[in-house]
Amino acid sequence: MEVNKQASSTTKVPGSQAPRPMPRPDRSFYASSRAFGRFGIRSFRPIVMSEPHSHGHIEINWLSAGEMHYVYDGRPVCVPSERLVAFWAGIPHQTVALSPTAQQGRQLNVYLPLDSFLHMPQLGRLTETMMGGGIVALNPDAVGIDTLERWHSDYRSGNALRTDIVQVEMGAMFRRAALTGWEMLLPAWIESEGRRTRSASPVRYVVAMVRYVIENISEPLPAAEVAKVVGLHPNYAADLFSKVMRISIQKFVTRMRLIRARALLFEGNLSIANVAFQSGFTSLTQFYEHFRRAYGITPSQMRQDVIDD
């Protein structure tokens, strides 16, 4: 803790003078619905919000000083300084008060697209906790201010590969937290409800369906098969999924397959056909149609853009 405090006292959080990010071909995809937002990092002076809002990210807050008070899904929570605090921003949240020192400090927010977060492997109960309405504070040694500054600089560069590396490093950070633990600032309401009744909460059903989709993304995934995982009628399961995730099961499956395909394009030398089939698409025509609609370019063009960078 002392090391982090010393670092924050000698190094300023990235300010607003950095150049604006360059446009990226996948921005329209991430911004196309409330279910999934686009990746971003902001540094700003903390403010009190006039009303609650929600958006398609795992949001990560870092406060340089003082305390910030949220109302999250109607429940109060205090966010401390110099800790990475993470939550699912698809649940309505609002900053309602700031301590005097917080008002004079800086806030750095990371907006990690929900589909990118769900694609991160081996997070276990960390994923369940946040998807269930919990708020977690990562251990003080999770990352230092130098790393946060570098992430912010990489994002501001507008370089797609640098930004993707940032998300890979965030995945490693979350995997370490899943192994070493975290502090629960606000418990997941699905957990407390589960202890009082034998029936699972709606979000727990959806979390189970999400996990099944991710673990079987290369296999056929009709909505009825996904519903069987939680023992619900297919129509009810589909309605429940859409209500919680703000997107249908099949559109969610397509999103996750596109995230998988994009990762494979960047990670290796697989042919485009192998990328498509390993991501669960049944034909190249279907893959190209979804990929171009999502990202505005072909898979080959996206791979070439990374090579050119």
Protein backbone atom coordinates (compact mmCIF):
# COMPACT_ATOMS: atom_id res chain seq x y z
CA MET A 1 0.00 0.00 0.00
CA GLU A 2 2.79 2.44 0.88
CA VAL A 3 4.47 1.82 -2.45
CA ASN A 4 1.30 2.70 -4.33
CA LYS A 5 0.80 5.85 -2.26
CA GLN A 6 4.29 7.04 -2.98
CA ALA A 7 3.85 6.40 -6.66
CA SER A 8 0.60 8.32 -6.80
CA SER A 9 2.09 11.30 -4.96
CA THR A 10 4.91 11.68 -7.48
CA THR A 11 3.14 10.72 -10.70
CA LYS A 12 0.08 12.43 -12.08
CA VAL A 13 -2.83 10.51 -13.53
CA PRO A 14 -3.03 11.11 -17.30
CA GLY A 15 -4.75 14.42 -17.99
CA SER A 16 -6.99 15.70 -20.70
CA GLN A 17 -4.21 17.15 -22.87
CA ALA A 18 -3.35 13.89 -24.61
CA PRO A 19 -4.37 13.61 -28.29
CA ARG A 20 -7.76 12.12 -28.96
CA PRO A 21 -7.86 8.46 -30.02
CA MET A 22 -7.76 7.74 -33.73
CA PRO A 23 -10.92 6.16 -35.25
CA ARG A 24 -11.01 2.36 -35.27
CA PRO A 25 -13.05 0.15 -37.59
CA ASP A 26 -14.68 -1.76 -34.73
CA ARG A 27 -15.97 1.31 -32.87
CA SER A 28 -19.38 1.22 -34.53
CA PHE A 29 -19.69 -2.45 -33.57
CA TYR A 30 -19.03 -1.81 -29.91
CA ALA A 31 -21.35 1.21 -29.84
CA SER A 32 -24.22 -0.44 -31.71
CA SER A 33 -26.25 -1.48 -28.65
CA ARG A 34 -26.56 -0.95 -24.92
CA ALA A 35 -25.46 -4.55 -24.37
CA PHE A 36 -21.87 -3.99 -25.46
CA GLY A 37 -19.94 -0.74 -25.36
CA ARG A 38 -16.64 0.07 -27.07
CA PHE A 39 -13.31 -0.01 -25.28
CA GLY A 40 -12.12 3.26 -23.75
CA ILE A 41 -10.07 4.90 -21.01
CA ARG A 42 -10.83 8.34 -19.57
CA SER A 43 -9.09 10.57 -17.05
CA PHE A 44 -11.13 13.41 -15.56
CA ARG A 45 -12.05 15.31 -12.43
CA PRO A 46 -14.69 13.34 -10.48
CA ILE A 47 -18.25 14.66 -10.68
CA VAL A 48 -21.61 13.88 -9.09
CA MET A 49 -23.98 12.37 -11.66
CA SER A 50 -27.44 13.88 -12.11
CA GLU A 51 -29.09 10.49 -12.69
CA PRO A 52 -28.26 6.79 -12.88
CA HIS A 53 -27.07 5.31 -16.17
CA SER A 54 -25.99 1.95 -17.55
CA HIS A 55 -23.87 0.78 -20.47
CA GLY A 56 -22.31 -2.33 -21.94
CA HIS A 57 -19.01 -2.55 -20.07
CA ILE A 58 -17.15 -3.88 -17.12
CA GLU A 59 -16.21 -0.50 -15.66
CA ILE A 60 -12.99 -0.09 -13.68
CA ASN A 61 -12.56 3.03 -11.53
CA TRP A 62 -9.36 4.42 -10.01
CA LEU A 63 -9.57 7.46 -7.73
CA SER A 64 -6.44 9.45 -6.86
CA ALA A 65 -7.68 10.72 -3.47
CA GLY A 66 -10.65 10.70 -1.12
CA GLU A 67 -13.82 8.66 -1.51
CA MET A 68 -16.60 8.40 -4.05
CA HIS A 69 -20.11 7.31 -3.11
CA TYR A 70 -22.19 5.32 -5.58
CA VAL A 71 -25.74 4.07 -5.63
CA TYR A 72 -25.56 0.80 -7.55
CA ASP A 73 -28.82 -0.93 -8.37
CA GLY A 74 -30.35 1.05 -5.50
CA ARG A 75 -27.65 0.00 -3.01
CA PRO A 76 -25.06 2.40 -1.56
CA VAL A 77 -21.35 1.68 -1.84
CA CYS A 78 -18.20 3.67 -1.01
CA VAL A 79 -15.33 3.56 -3.54
CA PRO A 80 -11.91 4.15 -1.90
CA SER A 81 -8.92 5.86 -3.46
CA GLU A 82 -5.85 4.17 -4.96
CA ARG A 83 -7.69 0.90 -5.60
CA LEU A 84 -9.00 -0.56 -8.84
CA VAL A 85 -12.73 -1.00 -8.35
CA ALA A 86 -14.63 -3.05 -10.93
CA PHE A 87 -18.32 -3.70 -11.61
CA TRP A 88 -20.75 -4.57 -14.40
CA ALA A 89 -21.95 -1.22 -15.73
CA GLY A 90 -25.03 -2.81 -17.31
CA ILE A 91 -26.62 -2.41 -13.88
CA PRO A 92 -27.79 1.20 -13.23
CA HIS A 93 -25.27 3.17 -11.19
CA GLN A 94 -24.78 6.77 -10.12
CA THR A 95 -22.11 8.80 -8.33
CA VAL A 96 -24.06 10.64 -5.64
CA ALA A 97 -21.36 12.24 -3.44
CA LEU A 98 -17.63 12.97 -3.31
CA SER A 99 -15.40 13.68 -0.35
CA PRO A 100 -13.65 17.11 -0.43
CA THR A 101 -10.30 15.55 -1.33
CA ALA A 102 -11.89 13.50 -4.09
CA GLN A 103 -13.32 16.67 -5.63
CA GLN A 104 -9.78 18.01 -6.01
CA GLY A 105 -8.32 14.76 -7.34
CA ARG A 106 -8.55 12.76 -10.55
CA GLN A 107 -10.55 9.74 -11.62
CA LEU A 108 -9.42 7.24 -14.22
CA ASN A 109 -12.09 4.98 -15.72
CA VAL A 110 -11.49 1.97 -17.92
CA TYR A 111 -14.45 0.82 -20.02
CA LEU A 112 -13.90 -2.82 -20.95
CA PRO A 113 -16.50 -4.16 -23.41
CA LEU A 114 -18.64 -6.77 -21.70
CA ASP A 115 -18.10 -9.31 -24.48
CA SER A 116 -14.33 -8.89 -24.22
CA PHE A 117 -14.49 -9.45 -20.45
CA LEU A 118 -16.66 -12.54 -20.81
CA HIS A 119 -14.16 -13.94 -23.30
CA MET A 120 -11.38 -13.80 -20.70
CA PRO A 121 -10.68 -17.34 -19.43
CA GLN A 122 -10.41 -18.79 -15.94
CA LEU A 123 -12.06 -16.01 -13.94
CA GLY A 124 -14.58 -18.25 -12.19
CA ARG A 125 -16.31 -16.61 -9.26
CA LEU A 126 -14.92 -13.21 -10.15
CA THR A 127 -17.11 -13.23 -13.26
CA GLU A 128 -20.08 -14.58 -11.32
CA THR A 129 -19.67 -11.92 -8.63
CA MET A 130 -19.64 -8.97 -11.01
CA MET A 131 -22.32 -10.36 -13.32
CA GLY A 132 -24.42 -10.98 -10.22
CA GLY A 133 -24.35 -7.33 -9.16
CA GLY A 134 -21.28 -7.32 -6.93
CA ILE A 135 -18.59 -4.63 -6.82
CA VAL A 136 -14.99 -5.70 -6.20
CA ALA A 137 -11.80 -3.85 -5.26
CA LEU A 138 -8.67 -5.54 -6.56
CA ASN A 139 -5.72 -5.93 -4.22
CA PRO A 140 -3.51 -2.81 -3.90
CA ASP A 141 -0.69 -4.49 -5.82
CA ALA A 142 -2.90 -5.42 -8.80
CA VAL A 143 -1.35 -2.72 -11.01
CA GLY A 144 0.57 0.47 -10.25
CA ILE A 145 -0.01 3.99 -11.46
CA ASP A 146 2.75 3.55 -14.06
CA THR A 147 0.80 0.72 -15.68
CA LEU A 148 -2.40 2.77 -15.67
CA GLU A 149 -0.57 5.63 -17.36
CA ARG A 150 0.83 3.31 -20.00
CA TRP A 151 -2.61 1.84 -20.67
CA HIS A 152 -4.01 5.32 -21.08
CA SER A 153 -1.17 6.26 -23.44
CA ASP A 154 -1.62 3.10 -25.50
CA TYR A 155 -5.33 3.78 -25.84
CA ARG A 156 -4.74 7.40 -26.80
CA SER A 157 -2.26 6.34 -29.48
CA GLY A 158 -5.08 5.08 -31.68
CA ASN A 159 -2.98 2.02 -32.51
CA ALA A 160 -5.29 -1.03 -32.63
CA LEU A 161 -2.57 -3.51 -31.69
CA ARG A 162 -1.43 -1.48 -28.67
CA THR A 163 -5.03 -1.26 -27.50
CA ASP A 164 -5.49 -4.99 -27.88
CA ILE A 165 -2.35 -5.59 -25.83
CA VAL A 166 -3.85 -3.42 -23.08
CA GLN A 167 -6.90 -5.69 -22.99
CA VAL A 168 -4.67 -8.79 -22.87
CA GLU A 169 -2.83 -7.28 -19.89
CA MET A 170 -6.15 -6.54 -18.21
CA GLY A 171 -7.11 -10.16 -18.72
CA ALA A 172 -3.92 -11.24 -16.94
CA MET A 173 -4.69 -8.79 -14.13
CA PHE A 174 -8.17 -10.26 -13.65
CA ARG A 175 -6.81 -13.83 -13.79
CA ARG A 176 -4.35 -13.00 -11.02
CA ALA A 177 -7.18 -11.48 -8.98
CA ALA A 178 -9.23 -14.64 -9.51
CA LEU A 179 -6.36 -16.63 -8.00
CA THR A 180 -5.21 -14.31 -5.20
CA GLY A 181 -8.56 -12.86 -4.18
CA TRP A 182 -10.19 -9.47 -4.01
CA GLU A 183 -12.11 -7.29 -1.57
CA MET A 184 -15.90 -7.34 -1.83
CA LEU A 185 -17.21 -3.77 -1.63
CA LEU A 186 -20.74 -4.84 -2.44
CA PRO A 187 -21.84 -8.49 -2.43
CA ALA A 188 -23.55 -9.99 -5.44
CA TRP A 189 -27.25 -10.07 -4.73
CA ILE A 190 -27.60 -13.37 -6.55
CA GLU A 191 -25.45 -14.97 -3.86
CA SER A 192 -27.43 -13.70 -0.87
CA GLU A 193 -30.69 -14.61 -2.56
CA GLY A 194 -29.40 -18.08 -3.37
CA ARG A 195 -28.77 -18.76 0.31
CA ARG A 196 -32.34 -17.90 1.25
CA THR A 197 -34.14 -19.97 -1.36
CA ARG A 198 -33.60 -23.09 -3.36
CA SER A 199 -34.65 -21.36 -6.58
CA ALA A 200 -31.88 -19.58 -8.46
CA SER A 201 -32.20 -15.88 -9.24
CA PRO A 202 -32.71 -14.71 -12.84
CA VAL A 203 -29.14 -13.42 -13.09
CA ARG A 204 -27.70 -16.73 -11.88
CA TYR A 205 -29.58 -18.52 -14.67
CA VAL A 206 -28.18 -16.06 -17.19
CA VAL A 207 -24.63 -16.36 -15.83
CA ALA A 208 -24.87 -20.14 -16.27
CA MET A 209 -26.05 -19.71 -19.87
CA VAL A 210 -23.29 -17.20 -20.59
CA ARG A 211 -20.66 -19.59 -19.24
CA TYR A 212 -22.01 -22.44 -21.35
CA VAL A 213 -21.88 -20.30 -24.51
CA ILE A 214 -18.30 -19.23 -23.85
CA GLU A 215 -17.10 -22.75 -23.09
CA ASN A 216 -18.74 -24.19 -26.22
CA ILE A 217 -18.36 -21.29 -28.64
CA SER A 218 -16.99 -23.47 -31.47
CA GLU A 219 -20.00 -25.83 -31.29
CA PRO A 220 -23.54 -25.34 -32.63
CA LEU A 221 -25.48 -23.34 -30.03
CA PRO A 222 -29.21 -23.20 -30.74
CA ALA A 223 -31.16 -21.24 -28.13
CA ALA A 224 -33.05 -24.36 -27.03
CA GLU A 225 -29.78 -26.14 -26.21
CA VAL A 226 -28.52 -23.19 -24.17
CA ALA A 227 -31.81 -23.17 -22.24
CA LYS A 228 -31.37 -26.85 -21.31
CA VAL A 229 -28.29 -25.93 -19.27
CA VAL A 230 -30.49 -24.24 -16.67
CA GLY A 231 -33.53 -26.50 -17.06
CA LEU A 232 -35.87 -23.74 -18.24
CA HIS A 233 -38.43 -23.65 -21.04
CA PRO A 234 -36.64 -22.31 -24.15
CA ASN A 235 -38.99 -19.35 -24.55
CA TYR A 236 -38.70 -18.34 -20.90
CA ALA A 237 -34.92 -18.76 -20.94
CA ALA A 238 -34.66 -16.63 -24.10
CA ASP A 239 -36.80 -13.87 -22.60
CA LEU A 240 -34.81 -13.97 -19.36
CA PHE A 241 -31.52 -13.78 -21.22
CA SER A 242 -32.67 -10.82 -23.31
CA LYS A 243 -33.97 -8.96 -20.27
CA VAL A 244 -30.72 -9.30 -18.29
CA MET A 245 -28.18 -9.06 -21.12
CA ARG A 246 -30.16 -6.65 -23.35
CA ILE A 247 -29.45 -8.84 -26.34
CA SER A 248 -30.88 -12.13 -27.62
CA ILE A 249 -29.09 -15.41 -27.07
CA GLN A 250 -28.29 -15.82 -30.76
CA LYS A 251 -26.95 -12.29 -31.15
CA PHE A 252 -24.84 -12.84 -28.04
CA VAL A 253 -23.45 -16.06 -29.52
CA THR A 254 -22.56 -14.19 -32.71
CA ARG A 255 -20.83 -11.44 -30.74
CA MET A 256 -18.73 -13.93 -28.80
CA ARG A 257 -17.82 -15.78 -32.00
CA LEU A 258 -16.66 -12.53 -33.57
CA ILE A 259 -14.54 -11.72 -30.52
CA ARG A 260 -13.03 -15.21 -30.77
CA ALA A 261 -12.38 -14.80 -34.49
CA ARG A 262 -10.77 -11.40 -34.01
CA ALA A 263 -8.44 -12.82 -31.36
CA LEU A 264 -7.44 -15.71 -33.64
CA LEU A 265 -6.70 -13.29 -36.47
CA PHE A 266 -4.28 -11.40 -34.25
CA GLU A 267 -2.73 -14.37 -32.45
CA GLY A 268 -1.56 -16.68 -35.22
CA ASN A 269 -1.26 -17.65 -38.84
CA LEU A 270 -4.45 -19.66 -39.22
CA SER A 271 -6.18 -19.42 -42.55
CA ILE A 272 -9.35 -17.33 -42.66
CA ALA A 273 -11.36 -20.52 -43.12
CA ASN A 274 -9.87 -22.10 -39.99
CA VAL A 275 -10.48 -18.89 -38.03
CA ALA A 276 -14.14 -19.02 -39.07
CA PHE A 277 -14.68 -22.67 -38.20
CA GLN A 278 -12.77 -22.54 -34.90
CA SER A 279 -14.99 -19.61 -33.93
CA GLY A 280 -18.15 -21.62 -34.56
CA PHE A 281 -19.30 -20.20 -37.89
CA THR A 282 -20.80 -22.86 -40.14
CA SER A 283 -19.74 -21.30 -43.44
CA LEU A 284 -17.29 -18.74 -44.78
CA THR A 285 -20.15 -16.78 -46.32
CA GLN A 286 -21.84 -16.48 -42.93
CA PHE A 287 -18.52 -15.50 -41.29
CA TYR A 288 -17.72 -12.78 -43.82
CA GLU A 289 -21.24 -11.39 -43.64
CA HIS A 290 -21.20 -11.06 -39.83
CA PHE A 291 -17.59 -9.86 -39.69
CA ARG A 292 -18.05 -7.11 -42.27
CA ARG A 293 -21.29 -5.98 -40.64
CA ALA A 294 -19.64 -5.82 -37.22
CA TYR A 295 -16.26 -4.29 -38.05
CA GLY A 296 -16.79 -2.58 -41.41
CA ILE A 297 -13.90 -4.48 -43.06
CA THR A 298 -13.06 -8.07 -44.04
CA PRO A 299 -11.03 -10.43 -41.81
CA SER A 300 -8.12 -10.21 -44.26
CA GLN A 301 -8.18 -6.41 -44.16
CA MET A 302 -8.16 -6.39 -40.36
CA ARG A 303 -5.23 -8.81 -40.24
CA GLN A 304 -3.32 -6.69 -42.78
CA ASP A 305 -3.97 -3.52 -40.77
CA VAL A 306 -2.27 -5.13 -37.77
CA ILE A 307 0.71 -6.22 -39.88
CA ASP A 308 1.04 -2.71 -41.34
CA ASP A 309 1.02 -1.17 -37.83
